[in-house]
PDB file of N, CA and C in Angstrom:
ATOM      1  N   MET A   1       0.712  -1.190  -0.214  1.00  0.00           N
ATOM      2  CA  MET A   1       0.067   0.094  -0.008  1.00  0.00           C
ATOM      3  C   MET A   1       0.902   1.572   0.154  1.00  0.00           C
ATOM      4  N   LYS A   2       1.821   1.386   0.856  1.00  0.00           N
ATOM      5  CA  LYS A   2       2.901   2.270   0.668  1.00  0.00           C
ATOM      6  C   LYS A   2       3.648   2.778  -0.803  1.00  0.00           C
ATOM      7  N   HIS A   3       3.711   1.085  -1.344  1.00  0.00           N
ATOM      8  CA  HIS A   3       4.212   2.209  -2.899  1.00  0.00           C
ATOM      9  C   HIS A   3       3.103   2.268  -3.579  1.00  0.00           C
ATOM     10  N   LEU A   4       2.129   1.621  -3.690  1.00  0.00           N
ATOM     11  CA  LEU A   4       1.353   2.290  -4.450  1.00  0.00           C
ATOM     12  C   LEU A   4       0.592   4.071  -4.204  1.00  0.00           C
ATOM     13  N   GLN A   5       0.638   3.888  -2.797  1.00  0.00           N
ATOM     14  CA  GLN A   5       1.041   5.493  -2.641  1.00  0.00           C
ATOM     15  C   GLN A   5       2.168   6.574  -3.372  1.00  0.00           C
ATOM     16  N   THR A   6       3.064   5.775  -3.130  1.00  0.00           N
ATOM     17  CA  THR A   6       4.188   7.066  -3.550  1.00  0.00           C
ATOM     18  C   THR A   6       4.001   6.840  -5.346  1.00  0.00           C
ATOM     19  N   TYR A   7       3.397   5.415  -5.860  1.00  0.00           N
ATOM     20  CA  TYR A   7       4.139   5.750  -7.277  1.00  0.00           C
ATOM     21  C   TYR A   7       2.645   6.669  -7.645  1.00  0.00           C
ATOM     22  N   ILE A   8       1.761   6.966  -7.149  1.00  0.00           N
ATOM     23  CA  ILE A   8       0.362   7.597  -7.156  1.00  0.00           C
ATOM     24  C   ILE A   8       0.830   9.152  -7.082  1.00  0.00           C
ATOM     25  N   SER A   9       1.516   9.093  -6.354  1.00  0.00           N
ATOM     26  CA  SER A   9       2.152  10.480  -5.775  1.00  0.00           C
ATOM     27  C   SER A   9       3.034  11.007  -7.057  1.00  0.00           C
ATOM     28  N   PHE A  10       4.108  10.237  -7.469  1.00  0.00           N
ATOM     29  CA  PHE A  10       5.129  10.731  -8.161  1.00  0.00           C
ATOM     30  C   PHE A  10       4.033  10.879  -9.621  1.00  0.00           C
ATOM     31  N   ALA A  11       3.368   9.814 -10.014  1.00  0.00           N
ATOM     32  CA  ALA A  11       2.636  10.408 -11.754  1.00  0.00           C
ATOM     33  C   ALA A  11       2.180  11.393 -11.549  1.00  0.00           C
ATOM     34  N   LEU A  12       1.185  11.807 -10.334  1.00  0.00           N
ATOM     35  CA  LEU A  12       0.466  12.694 -10.046  1.00  0.00           C
ATOM     36  C   LEU A  12       1.060  14.425 -10.413  1.00  0.00           C
ATOM     37  N   LEU A  13       2.862  13.886  -9.555  1.00  0.00           N
ATOM     38  CA  LEU A  13       3.511  15.861  -9.578  1.00  0.00           C
ATOM     39  C   LEU A  13       4.347  15.120 -11.078  1.00  0.00           C
ATOM     40  N   SER A  14       4.399  14.168 -11.939  1.00  0.00           N
ATOM     41  CA  SER A  14       4.930  14.331 -12.845  1.00  0.00           C
ATOM     42  C   SER A  14       4.110  14.622 -14.349  1.00  0.00           C
ATOM     43  N   LEU A  15       2.609  14.807 -13.562  1.00  0.00           N
ATOM     44  CA  LEU A  15       2.000  14.939 -14.503  1.00  0.00           C
ATOM     45  C   LEU A  15       1.448  16.967 -14.574  1.00  0.00           C
ATOM     46  N   LEU A  16       1.915  16.849 -13.338  1.00  0.00           N
ATOM     47  CA  LEU A  16       1.338  18.200 -13.127  1.00  0.00           C
ATOM     48  C   LEU A  16       2.245  19.507 -13.887  1.00  0.00           C
ATOM     49  N   THR A  17       3.933  19.032 -13.489  1.00  0.00           N
ATOM     50  CA  THR A  17       5.077  19.559 -14.140  1.00  0.00           C
ATOM     51  C   THR A  17       5.121  19.587 -15.599  1.00  0.00           C
ATOM     52  N   THR A  18       4.363  18.299 -16.235  1.00  0.00           N
ATOM     53  CA  THR A  18       4.809  18.381 -17.194  1.00  0.00           C
ATOM     54  C   THR A  18       3.326  19.053 -18.019  1.00  0.00           C
ATOM     55  N   SER A  19       2.524  19.634 -17.537  1.00  0.00           N
ATOM     56  CA  SER A  19       1.222  20.312 -18.321  1.00  0.00           C
ATOM     57  C   SER A  19       1.373  21.719 -17.643  1.00  0.00           C
ATOM     58  N   LEU A  20       2.184  22.231 -16.761  1.00  0.00           N
ATOM     59  CA  LEU A  20       2.518  23.732 -16.325  1.00  0.00           C
ATOM     60  C   LEU A  20       3.538  24.368 -17.749  1.00  0.00           C
ATOM     61  N   GLY A  21       4.491  23.221 -17.754  1.00  0.00           N
ATOM     62  CA  GLY A  21       5.737  23.683 -18.675  1.00  0.00           C
ATOM     63  C   GLY A  21       5.196  23.510 -20.196  1.00  0.00           C
ATOM     64  N   TYR A  22       4.196  23.367 -20.381  1.00  0.00           N
ATOM     65  CA  TYR A  22       3.360  23.067 -21.810  1.00  0.00           C
ATOM     66  C   TYR A  22       2.840  24.686 -21.588  1.00  0.00           C
ATOM     67  N   ALA A  23       1.923  24.667 -20.600  1.00  0.00           N
ATOM     68  CA  ALA A  23       1.589  26.040 -20.677  1.00  0.00           C
ATOM     69  C   ALA A  23       2.024  27.454 -20.738  1.00  0.00           C
ATOM     70  N   GLN A  24       3.171  27.534 -20.386  1.00  0.00           N
ATOM     71  CA  GLN A  24       4.214  28.927 -20.348  1.00  0.00           C
ATOM     72  C   GLN A  24       4.980  28.789 -21.360  1.00  0.00           C
ATOM     73  N   VAL A  25       4.915  27.407 -22.452  1.00  0.00           N
ATOM     74  CA  VAL A  25       5.630  27.508 -23.534  1.00  0.00           C
ATOM     75  C   VAL A  25       4.893  27.839 -24.805  1.00  0.00           C
ATOM     76  N   SER A  26       3.181  27.525 -24.984  1.00  0.00           N
ATOM     77  CA  SER A  26       2.153  28.030 -25.725  1.00  0.00           C
ATOM     78  C   SER A  26       2.341  29.511 -25.237  1.00  0.00           C
ATOM     79  N   ASN A  27       1.854  30.149 -24.028  1.00  0.00           N
ATOM     80  CA  ASN A  27       1.413  31.312 -23.843  1.00  0.00           C
ATOM     81  C   ASN A  27       2.364  32.245 -24.456  1.00  0.00           C
ATOM     82  N   MET A  28       4.166  31.765 -24.264  1.00  0.00           N
ATOM     83  CA  MET A  28       4.841  32.680 -25.019  1.00  0.00           C
ATOM     84  C   MET A  28       4.826  32.859 -26.063  1.00  0.00           C
ATOM     85  N   GLN A  29       4.304  31.432 -27.083  1.00  0.00           N
ATOM     86  CA  GLN A  29       5.104  31.787 -28.311  1.00  0.00           C
ATOM     87  C   GLN A  29       3.687  32.327 -29.101  1.00  0.00           C
ATOM     88  N   GLU A  30       2.271  32.747 -28.144  1.00  0.00           N
ATOM     89  CA  GLU A  30       1.224  33.546 -28.293  1.00  0.00           C
ATOM     90  C   GLU A  30       1.465  34.689 -28.647  1.00  0.00           C
ATOM     91  N   GLU A  31       2.278  35.178 -27.276  1.00  0.00           N
ATOM     92  CA  GLU A  31       2.256  36.472 -27.125  1.00  0.00           C
ATOM     93  C   GLU A  31       3.627  37.113 -27.862  1.00  0.00           C
ATOM     94  N   ALA A  32       4.361  36.208 -28.802  1.00  0.00           N
ATOM     95  CA  ALA A  32       5.638  37.124 -29.906  1.00  0.00           C
ATOM     96  C   ALA A  32       4.714  37.365 -30.523  1.00  0.00           C
ATOM     97  N   ARG A  33       3.332  36.709 -31.356  1.00  0.00           N
ATOM     98  CA  ARG A  33       3.130  37.078 -32.421  1.00  0.00           C
ATOM     99  C   ARG A  33       1.901  38.043 -32.629  1.00  0.00           C
ATOM    100  N   THR A  34       1.755  38.504 -31.607  1.00  0.00           N
ATOM    101  CA  THR A  34       1.003  39.741 -31.008  1.00  0.00           C
ATOM    102  C   THR A  34       1.575  40.986 -31.262  1.00  0.00           C
ATOM    103  N   LEU A  35       0.920  41.748 -31.802  1.00  0.00           N
ATOM    104  CA  LEU A  35       1.104  43.255 -31.865  1.00  0.00           C
ATOM    105  C   LEU A  35       0.950  44.046 -31.090  1.00  0.00           C
ATOM    106  N   ARG A  36       2.018  44.311 -29.962  1.00  0.00           N
ATOM    107  CA  ARG A  36       1.773  44.422 -28.616  1.00  0.00           C
ATOM    108  C   ARG A  36       1.170  45.986 -28.844  1.00  0.00           C
ATOM    109  N   ILE A  37       0.174  46.734 -28.092  1.00  0.00           N
ATOM    110  CA  ILE A  37      -0.163  48.684 -27.856  1.00  0.00           C
ATOM    111  C   ILE A  37      -0.951  48.478 -26.792  1.00  0.00           C
ATOM    112  N   ASP A  38       0.066  49.389 -26.101  1.00  0.00           N
ATOM    113  CA  ASP A  38       0.179  49.677 -24.594  1.00  0.00           C
ATOM    114  C   ASP A  38      -0.536  51.297 -24.441  1.00  0.00           C
ATOM    115  N   THR A  39      -1.457  51.096 -23.835  1.00  0.00           N
ATOM    116  CA  THR A  39      -2.862  52.337 -23.301  1.00  0.00           C
ATOM    117  C   THR A  39      -2.251  53.070 -22.152  1.00  0.00           C
ATOM    118  N   ILE A  40      -1.680  54.117 -22.512  1.00  0.00           N
ATOM    119  CA  ILE A  40      -1.031  55.238 -21.712  1.00  0.00           C
ATOM    120  C   ILE A  40      -2.037  55.759 -20.963  1.00  0.00           C
ATOM    121  N   ALA A  41      -2.910  56.084 -21.622  1.00  0.00           N
ATOM    122  CA  ALA A  41      -4.010  56.932 -20.709  1.00  0.00           C
ATOM    123  C   ALA A  41      -5.314  57.089 -20.894  1.00  0.00           C
ATOM    124  N   LEU A  42      -6.041  56.841 -19.502  1.00  0.00           N
ATOM    125  CA  LEU A  42      -7.537  56.577 -19.741  1.00  0.00           C
ATOM    126  C   LEU A  42      -7.965  57.992 -18.796  1.00  0.00           C
ATOM    127  N   GLU A  43      -9.395  58.736 -19.371  1.00  0.00           N
ATOM    128  CA  GLU A  43     -10.215  59.446 -18.979  1.00  0.00           C
ATOM    129  C   GLU A  43     -11.192  59.801 -19.408  1.00  0.00           C
ATOM    130  N   THR A  44     -12.540  60.173 -18.108  1.00  0.00           N
ATOM    131  CA  THR A  44     -13.526  60.012 -18.581  1.00  0.00           C
ATOM    132  C   THR A  44     -14.137  60.971 -17.977  1.00  0.00           C
ATOM    133  N   THR A  45     -14.515  62.071 -18.981  1.00  0.00           N
ATOM    134  CA  THR A  45     -15.221  63.951 -18.625  1.00  0.00           C
ATOM    135  C   THR A  45     -16.682  63.579 -18.672  1.00  0.00           C
ATOM    136  N   GLU A  46     -17.491  63.989 -17.716  1.00  0.00           N
ATOM    137  CA  GLU A  46     -18.951  64.421 -17.527  1.00  0.00           C
ATOM    138  C   GLU A  46     -19.142  65.835 -17.287  1.00  0.00           C
ATOM    139  N   LYS A  47     -20.328  66.328 -18.407  1.00  0.00           N
ATOM    140  CA  LYS A  47     -20.377  67.579 -18.520  1.00  0.00           C
ATOM    141  C   LYS A  47     -21.467  67.800 -18.429  1.00  0.00           C
ATOM    142  N   THR A  48     -22.757  68.743 -17.024  1.00  0.00           N
ATOM    143  CA  THR A  48     -24.143  68.616 -17.414  1.00  0.00           C
ATOM    144  C   THR A  48     -24.297  70.054 -17.615  1.00  0.00           C
ATOM    145  N   TYR A  49     -25.387  70.038 -18.947  1.00  0.00           N
ATOM    146  CA  TYR A  49     -25.558  71.511 -19.456  1.00  0.00           C
ATOM    147  C   TYR A  49     -27.744  71.512 -19.204  1.00  0.00           C
ATOM    148  N   LYS A  50     -27.196  72.738 -18.456  1.00  0.00           N
ATOM    149  CA  LYS A  50     -28.620  73.260 -17.898  1.00  0.00           C
ATOM    150  C   LYS A  50     -29.414  74.250 -19.100  1.00  0.00           C
ATOM    151  N   LEU A  51     -30.510  73.637 -19.499  1.00  0.00           N
ATOM    152  CA  LEU A  51     -31.066  74.722 -20.867  1.00  0.00           C
ATOM    153  C   LEU A  51     -32.353  74.696 -20.249  1.00  0.00           C
ATOM    154  N   TYR A  52     -33.267  76.279 -20.475  1.00  0.00           N
ATOM    155  CA  TYR A  52     -34.373  76.148 -20.699  1.00  0.00           C
ATOM    156  C   TYR A  52     -34.997  76.492 -21.937  1.00  0.00           C
ATOM    157  N   GLU A  53     -35.990  75.212 -21.826  1.00  0.00           N
ATOM    158  CA  GLU A  53     -36.950  75.296 -23.054  1.00  0.00           C
ATOM    159  C   GLU A  53     -38.072  75.474 -22.270  1.00  0.00           C
ATOM    160  N   ASP A  54     -38.908  76.538 -23.089  1.00  0.00           N
ATOM    161  CA  ASP A  54     -40.504  76.476 -22.920  1.00  0.00           C
ATOM    162  C   ASP A  54     -40.650  76.692 -21.461  1.00  0.00           C
ATOM    163  N   GLY A  55     -39.828  77.454 -20.835  1.00  0.00           N
ATOM    164  CA  GLY A  55     -39.760  78.034 -19.944  1.00  0.00           C
ATOM    165  C   GLY A  55     -39.757  76.860 -18.307  1.00  0.00           C
ATOM    166  N   GLU A  56     -38.943  75.373 -19.030  1.00  0.00           N
ATOM    167  CA  GLU A  56     -39.080  74.273 -18.023  1.00  0.00           C
ATOM    168  C   GLU A  56     -37.375  74.070 -18.370  1.00  0.00           C
ATOM    169  N   LEU A  57     -36.745  73.994 -16.805  1.00  0.00           N
ATOM    170  CA  LEU A  57     -35.656  73.509 -16.583  1.00  0.00           C
ATOM    171  C   LEU A  57     -35.056  72.080 -17.308  1.00  0.00           C
ATOM    172  N   ILE A  58     -34.389  71.784 -18.578  1.00  0.00           N
ATOM    173  CA  ILE A  58     -33.733  70.651 -18.636  1.00  0.00           C
ATOM    174  C   ILE A  58     -32.397  70.486 -18.589  1.00  0.00           C
ATOM    175  N   LYS A  59     -31.842  68.986 -17.680  1.00  0.00           N
ATOM    176  CA  LYS A  59     -30.433  69.124 -17.323  1.00  0.00           C
ATOM    177  C   LYS A  59     -30.220  68.017 -18.108  1.00  0.00           C
ATOM    178  N   ASN A  60     -29.361  68.403 -19.462  1.00  0.00           N
ATOM    179  CA  ASN A  60     -28.481  67.585 -20.214  1.00  0.00           C
ATOM    180  C   ASN A  60     -26.940  66.997 -19.863  1.00  0.00           C
ATOM    181  N   THR A  61     -26.495  65.569 -19.842  1.00  0.00           N
ATOM    182  CA  THR A  61     -25.346  65.441 -19.166  1.00  0.00           C
ATOM    183  C   THR A  61     -24.390  64.407 -20.183  1.00  0.00           C
ATOM    184  N   VAL A  62     -22.884  64.856 -20.559  1.00  0.00           N
ATOM    185  CA  VAL A  62     -22.774  64.203 -21.904  1.00  0.00           C
ATOM    186  C   VAL A  62     -21.231  63.302 -20.985  1.00  0.00           C
ATOM    187  N   ARG A  63     -21.112  62.186 -21.311  1.00  0.00           N
ATOM    188  CA  ARG A  63     -19.951  61.475 -20.962  1.00  0.00           C
ATOM    189  C   ARG A  63     -18.625  61.445 -21.907  1.00  0.00           C
ATOM    190  N   ILE A  64     -17.322  61.964 -21.960  1.00  0.00           N
ATOM    191  CA  ILE A  64     -16.663  61.876 -22.860  1.00  0.00           C
ATOM    192  C   ILE A  64     -15.321  60.618 -22.031  1.00  0.00           C
ATOM    193  N   ASN A  65     -15.415  59.821 -22.905  1.00  0.00           N
ATOM    194  CA  ASN A  65     -14.001  59.070 -23.008  1.00  0.00           C
ATOM    195  C   ASN A  65     -12.969  58.847 -23.727  1.00  0.00           C
ATOM    196  N   THR A  66     -11.892  59.503 -22.979  1.00  0.00           N
ATOM    197  CA  THR A  66     -11.022  59.254 -24.258  1.00  0.00           C
ATOM    198  C   THR A  66      -9.839  58.232 -23.904  1.00  0.00           C
ATOM    199  N   ALA A  67      -9.070  57.804 -24.827  1.00  0.00           N
ATOM    200  CA  ALA A  67      -7.718  56.797 -24.744  1.00  0.00           C
ATOM    201  C   ALA A  67      -6.990  57.104 -25.740  1.00  0.00           C
ATOM    202  N   GLN A  68      -5.576  57.177 -24.783  1.00  0.00           N
ATOM    203  CA  GLN A  68      -4.263  57.151 -25.524  1.00  0.00           C
ATOM    204  C   GLN A  68      -3.893  56.325 -25.866  1.00  0.00           C
ATOM    205  N   THR A  69      -3.336  55.910 -26.847  1.00  0.00           N
ATOM    206  CA  THR A  69      -2.576  54.687 -27.278  1.00  0.00           C
ATOM    207  C   THR A  69      -1.496  54.484 -28.031  1.00  0.00           C
ATOM    208  N   GLN A  70      -0.648  53.847 -28.115  1.00  0.00           N
ATOM    209  CA  GLN A  70       0.534  53.875 -28.342  1.00  0.00           C
ATOM    210  C   GLN A  70       1.420  52.205 -28.809  1.00  0.00           C
ATOM    211  N   GLU A  71       1.579  52.303 -30.183  1.00  0.00           N
ATOM    212  CA  GLU A  71       2.340  51.193 -30.294  1.00  0.00           C
ATOM    213  C   GLU A  71       4.017  50.600 -29.967  1.00  0.00           C
ATOM    214  N   MET A  72       4.392  49.672 -29.534  1.00  0.00           N
ATOM    215  CA  MET A  72       5.577  49.392 -29.071  1.00  0.00           C
ATOM    216  C   MET A  72       5.941  48.754 -30.563  1.00  0.00           C
ATOM    217  N   GLN A  73       7.313  49.349 -30.522  1.00  0.00           N
ATOM    218  CA  GLN A  73       8.169  49.364 -32.165  1.00  0.00           C
ATOM    219  C   GLN A  73       9.773  49.386 -31.145  1.00  0.00           C
ATOM    220  N   PHE A  74      10.559  48.845 -32.158  1.00  0.00           N
ATOM    221  CA  PHE A  74      11.763  48.644 -32.105  1.00  0.00           C
ATOM    222  C   PHE A  74      12.569  49.296 -33.378  1.00  0.00           C
ATOM    223  N   GLU A  75      13.728  49.754 -33.194  1.00  0.00           N
ATOM    224  CA  GLU A  75      14.352  50.492 -34.414  1.00  0.00           C
ATOM    225  C   GLU A  75      15.252  49.045 -35.304  1.00  0.00           C
ATOM    226  N   ASN A  76      15.133  49.173 -36.691  1.00  0.00           N
ATOM    227  CA  ASN A  76      15.294  48.193 -37.323  1.00  0.00           C
ATOM    228  C   ASN A  76      16.419  47.854 -37.193  1.00  0.00           C
ATOM    229  N   GLU A  77      17.461  48.745 -36.814  1.00  0.00           N
ATOM    230  CA  GLU A  77      19.270  48.086 -37.104  1.00  0.00           C
ATOM    231  C   GLU A  77      19.151  47.367 -35.872  1.00  0.00           C
ATOM    232  N   ASP A  78      18.435  46.984 -35.171  1.00  0.00           N
ATOM    233  CA  ASP A  78      18.705  46.147 -33.381  1.00  0.00           C
ATOM    234  C   ASP A  78      17.885  44.766 -33.638  1.00  0.00           C
ATOM    235  N   LYS A  79      16.869  44.846 -35.134  1.00  0.00           N
ATOM    236  CA  LYS A  79      16.370  43.269 -35.497  1.00  0.00           C
ATOM    237  C   LYS A  79      17.214  42.032 -34.665  1.00  0.00           C
ATOM    238  N   GLY A  80      16.766  41.207 -34.060  1.00  0.00           N
ATOM    239  CA  GLY A  80      17.053  40.350 -33.322  1.00  0.00           C
ATOM    240  C   GLY A  80      18.383  40.102 -32.221  1.00  0.00           C
ATOM    241  N   LYS A  81      18.694  41.692 -31.866  1.00  0.00           N
ATOM    242  CA  LYS A  81      19.246  41.634 -30.616  1.00  0.00           C
ATOM    243  C   LYS A  81      18.530  41.069 -29.453  1.00  0.00           C
ATOM    244  N   VAL A  82      19.371  41.398 -28.173  1.00  0.00           N
ATOM    245  CA  VAL A  82      18.084  41.256 -26.933  1.00  0.00           C
ATOM    246  C   VAL A  82      17.898  42.854 -26.108  1.00  0.00           C
ATOM    247  N   ASP A  83      19.002  43.754 -26.748  1.00  0.00           N
ATOM    248  CA  ASP A  83      19.048  44.890 -26.160  1.00  0.00           C
ATOM    249  C   ASP A  83      18.666  45.982 -27.120  1.00  0.00           C
ATOM    250  N   GLN A  84      17.675  45.881 -27.395  1.00  0.00           N
ATOM    251  CA  GLN A  84      17.294  46.412 -28.760  1.00  0.00           C
ATOM    252  C   GLN A  84      16.200  48.130 -27.902  1.00  0.00           C
ATOM    253  N   ASP A  85      16.870  49.392 -29.197  1.00  0.00           N
ATOM    254  CA  ASP A  85      16.375  50.264 -28.664  1.00  0.00           C
ATOM    255  C   ASP A  85      14.967  50.502 -29.115  1.00  0.00           C
ATOM    256  N   ARG A  86      13.994  51.350 -28.765  1.00  0.00           N
ATOM    257  CA  ARG A  86      12.756  52.097 -28.699  1.00  0.00           C
ATOM    258  C   ARG A  86      12.252  52.745 -29.198  1.00  0.00           C
ATOM    259  N   VAL A  87      11.706  53.214 -30.247  1.00  0.00           N
ATOM    260  CA  VAL A  87      11.082  54.131 -31.330  1.00  0.00           C
ATOM    261  C   VAL A  87      10.091  54.138 -30.592  1.00  0.00           C
ATOM    262  N   PHE A  88       9.464  55.351 -30.247  1.00  0.00           N
ATOM    263  CA  PHE A  88       8.282  55.978 -29.834  1.00  0.00           C
ATOM    264  C   PHE A  88       7.539  56.526 -31.409  1.00  0.00           C
ATOM    265  N   PRO A  89       6.051  56.039 -31.661  1.00  0.00           N
ATOM    266  CA  PRO A  89       5.500  56.287 -32.886  1.00  0.00           C
ATOM    267  C   PRO A  89       4.386  57.341 -32.229  1.00  0.00           C
ATOM    268  N   LYS A  90       3.647  58.158 -32.879  1.00  0.00           N
ATOM    269  CA  LYS A  90       2.717  58.736 -32.426  1.00  0.00           C
ATOM    270  C   LYS A  90       1.733  57.882 -32.011  1.00  0.00           C
ATOM    271  N   LYS A  91       1.163  58.708 -30.933  1.00  0.00           N
ATOM    272  CA  LYS A  91       0.027  58.751 -30.233  1.00  0.00           C
ATOM    273  C   LYS A  91      -0.961  58.511 -30.822  1.00  0.00           C
ATOM    274  N   THR A  92      -2.135  57.896 -30.153  1.00  0.00           N
ATOM    275  CA  THR A  92      -3.313  57.591 -31.199  1.00  0.00           C
ATOM    276  C   THR A  92      -4.374  57.781 -30.025  1.00  0.00           C
ATOM    277  N   ILE A  93      -4.919  58.789 -30.487  1.00  0.00           N
ATOM    278  CA  ILE A  93      -6.588  59.258 -29.286  1.00  0.00           C
ATOM    279  C   ILE A  93      -8.021  58.663 -29.960  1.00  0.00           C
ATOM    280  N   TYR A  94      -8.264  58.141 -29.165  1.00  0.00           N
ATOM    281  CA  TYR A  94      -9.580  57.646 -29.408  1.00  0.00           C
ATOM    282  C   TYR A  94     -10.751  58.478 -28.356  1.00  0.00           C
ATOM    283  N   LYS A  95     -11.377  59.349 -29.303  1.00  0.00           N
ATOM    284  CA  LYS A  95     -12.819  60.085 -27.922  1.00  0.00           C
ATOM    285  C   LYS A  95     -13.649  59.737 -28.596  1.00  0.00           C
ATOM    286  N   THR A  96     -14.333  59.185 -27.746  1.00  0.00           N
ATOM    287  CA  THR A  96     -16.364  58.696 -27.626  1.00  0.00           C
ATOM    288  C   THR A  96     -17.087  59.328 -26.758  1.00  0.00           C
ATOM    289  N   VAL A  97     -17.690  59.852 -27.765  1.00  0.00           N
ATOM    290  CA  VAL A  97     -18.889  60.798 -26.579  1.00  0.00           C
ATOM    291  C   VAL A  97     -20.302  59.941 -26.129  1.00  0.00           C
TER     292      VAL A  97
END
C-alpha cells in the first residue's frame, strides 16, 4: 500500500509539472506573435448642461471617454538583438461621446 501511494504521488507530480511547462511555452509563443499596443492614459469627463426650453429647466449630461494608445516598436537596425532600442511612434487618441 505504501508503494502504491508513492507511485500515484509521483505520477501526479509528473503530470502537473509537464502540463504547467507546456502551458508556459504555448503562452510565450502566442505573445510573440501579437503586436503589443500600450494604453497610456484613460480619462472620463462628464459635463452637465442646463437649458431652459419653454420655461422648463432641462438637464443634459454628456460623458466623454478619452483613451491614448501607442504601439510598441523597436529600431530596425537592432532586429534580433536582446537589447533593442525603442522607437516612440505617434500616439493615437480615441474620443467617445
